[in-house]
Protein backbone atom coordinates (compact mmCIF):
# COMPACT_ATOMS: atom_id res chain seq x y z
CA MET A 1 97.20 175.52 32.80
CA GLN A 2 98.54 174.34 29.40
CA ASP A 3 97.79 170.68 30.16
CA ASP A 4 94.26 171.58 31.28
CA LEU A 5 93.69 173.58 28.09
CA THR A 6 95.11 170.78 25.95
CA GLY A 7 92.87 168.27 27.71
CA LYS A 8 89.76 170.36 27.05
CA ILE A 9 90.63 170.73 23.36
CA ILE A 10 91.24 167.00 22.99
CA GLY A 11 87.91 166.30 24.72
CA CYS A 12 86.19 168.58 22.22
CA ALA A 13 87.83 166.73 19.32
CA TYR A 14 86.50 163.40 20.58
CA LYS A 15 82.98 164.84 20.99
CA VAL A 16 83.07 166.11 17.41
CA TYR A 17 84.40 162.81 16.10
CA ASN A 18 81.87 160.75 18.03
CA GLN A 19 79.05 162.74 16.44
CA LEU A 20 80.40 163.22 12.90
CA GLY A 21 82.81 160.34 12.32
CA PHE A 22 85.20 160.39 9.38
CA GLY A 23 84.84 161.76 5.88
CA PHE A 24 83.85 165.42 6.06
CA GLN A 25 85.95 168.31 4.81
CA GLU A 26 88.21 169.98 7.35
CA SER A 27 85.97 173.06 7.37
CA VAL A 28 83.11 171.00 8.83
CA TYR A 29 85.33 169.78 11.67
CA GLN A 30 86.65 173.31 12.18
CA LYS A 31 83.17 174.80 12.63
CA SER A 32 82.17 171.90 14.89
CA MET A 33 85.30 172.34 17.01
CA LEU A 34 84.51 176.05 17.42
CA ILE A 35 81.05 175.12 18.74
CA GLU A 36 82.49 172.60 21.22
CA LEU A 37 85.26 174.96 22.35
CA ALA A 38 82.68 177.68 23.01
CA LYS A 39 80.63 175.18 25.08
CA GLN A 40 83.76 174.71 27.22
CA GLY A 41 83.99 178.46 27.72
CA LEU A 42 87.15 178.74 25.65
CA LYS A 43 87.95 181.70 23.43
CA ALA A 44 88.78 180.39 19.97
CA SER A 45 89.50 182.18 16.70
CA GLU A 46 89.48 180.58 13.28
CA GLU A 47 91.68 181.17 10.24
CA VAL A 48 94.16 183.30 12.17
CA GLY A 49 96.68 184.98 9.88
CA ILE A 50 100.35 184.16 10.24
CA ALA A 51 102.94 186.30 8.47
CA VAL A 52 106.36 184.85 7.74
CA TYR A 53 109.33 187.20 7.52
CA TYR A 54 112.77 186.79 6.02
CA ASP A 55 115.31 189.57 6.46
CA ASN A 56 112.53 191.81 7.84
CA GLN A 57 110.41 191.33 4.70
CA ASN A 58 107.11 189.52 4.50
CA VAL A 59 107.65 186.44 2.34
CA GLY A 60 104.40 184.61 2.97
CA ASN A 61 101.08 184.54 4.74
CA PHE A 62 99.38 181.46 6.09
CA PHE A 63 96.34 180.73 8.24
CA ALA A 64 96.15 178.64 11.39
CA ASP A 65 92.89 176.69 11.57
CA ILE A 66 92.12 177.59 15.20
CA VAL A 67 93.90 179.53 17.94
CA VAL A 68 92.57 178.82 21.44
CA GLU A 69 92.88 181.36 24.28
CA ASN A 70 95.58 183.16 22.24
CA GLU A 71 98.08 180.55 23.42
CA LEU A 72 97.61 177.29 21.53
CA ILE A 73 97.42 176.63 17.77
CA VAL A 74 95.19 173.80 16.56
CA GLU A 75 95.69 172.44 13.05
CA LEU A 76 92.95 170.14 11.79
CA LYS A 77 93.13 167.39 9.20
CA SER A 78 90.73 164.81 7.82
CA VAL A 79 93.00 162.36 6.07
CA GLN A 80 93.64 158.62 6.01
CA LYS A 81 97.00 159.00 7.77
CA LEU A 82 98.97 161.94 9.14
CA GLN A 83 102.19 162.77 7.33
CA SER A 84 105.28 164.27 8.93
CA ALA A 85 104.87 167.32 6.68
CA TYR A 86 101.77 168.29 8.68
CA GLU A 87 103.79 168.18 11.89
CA VAL A 88 106.53 170.33 10.36
CA GLN A 89 103.90 172.82 9.17
CA LEU A 90 102.52 173.15 12.69
CA VAL A 91 105.98 173.65 14.20
CA ASN A 92 106.68 176.33 11.60
CA TYR A 93 103.45 178.10 12.62
CA LEU A 94 104.58 177.93 16.25
CA VAL A 95 107.96 179.42 15.39
CA ALA A 96 106.46 182.18 13.23
CA THR A 97 103.99 183.21 15.94
CA LYS A 98 106.27 182.53 18.92
CA THR A 99 103.52 180.28 20.29
CA GLU A 100 104.85 177.51 22.52
CA THR A 101 102.36 174.67 21.97
CA GLY A 102 100.21 173.31 19.18
CA LEU A 103 97.95 170.37 18.52
CA LEU A 104 97.65 168.54 15.23
CA ILE A 105 94.28 166.78 15.20
CA ASN A 106 93.28 164.33 12.49
CA PHE A 107 89.69 163.17 12.23
CA GLY A 108 90.80 159.89 10.68
CA PRO A 109 88.96 156.82 9.41
CA ASP A 110 89.22 154.86 12.67
CA THR A 111 89.72 157.43 15.43
CA VAL A 112 90.95 160.89 16.32
CA GLU A 113 94.72 161.08 16.01
CA ILE A 114 96.40 163.80 18.06
CA LYS A 115 99.99 165.03 18.08
CA ARG A 116 101.24 167.71 20.46
CA LYS A 117 104.06 169.85 19.11
CA PHE A 118 106.26 172.48 20.72
CA ARG A 119 108.06 175.53 19.35
CA THR A 120 111.22 174.55 21.22
CA TYR A 121 112.43 170.99 21.48
CA LYS A 122 111.27 169.19 24.62
CA LYS A 123 112.78 165.84 25.50
CA THR A 124 110.13 163.28 26.39
CA ASN A 125 110.46 160.17 28.51
CA SER A 126 109.84 157.39 26.04
C-alpha cells in the first residue's frame, strides 16, 4: 500500500511540474499538489501542525506542507538544489509525529527531485 501511495504522489508531482515548471513559490506548488492529489482520490491536508516535546513540555511547533491519507508527510521545496538540512527536517517531522514515511519533493530548475525518507533507518541495496 505504501509503495502505491508513494507512486501516486510522485505522479502528481510530475503532473504539477509539467504544467508549471520551475520558479514559483512553494505555496503555488502546494495548492497545485492538493488539486492533483484530490483528482487521485487521496485525502490530503495542508499545513498540518507538528508539536515537538522535550521532557514532556512543548518546545516548538512546526507545520508539515502536506499529509496524505494520514500516513505520509510530503515536504515541498522550490530551490536550485536540495540541501541535506531539508532531509533532516523531514526525518525530524517523521520522528515527532511517529509517521513512518515521508517524501521530500523539489520542483527544481531542470526536473522534479524526490527523496524518500523513513522515521527508522532502512538499509537499501545500493
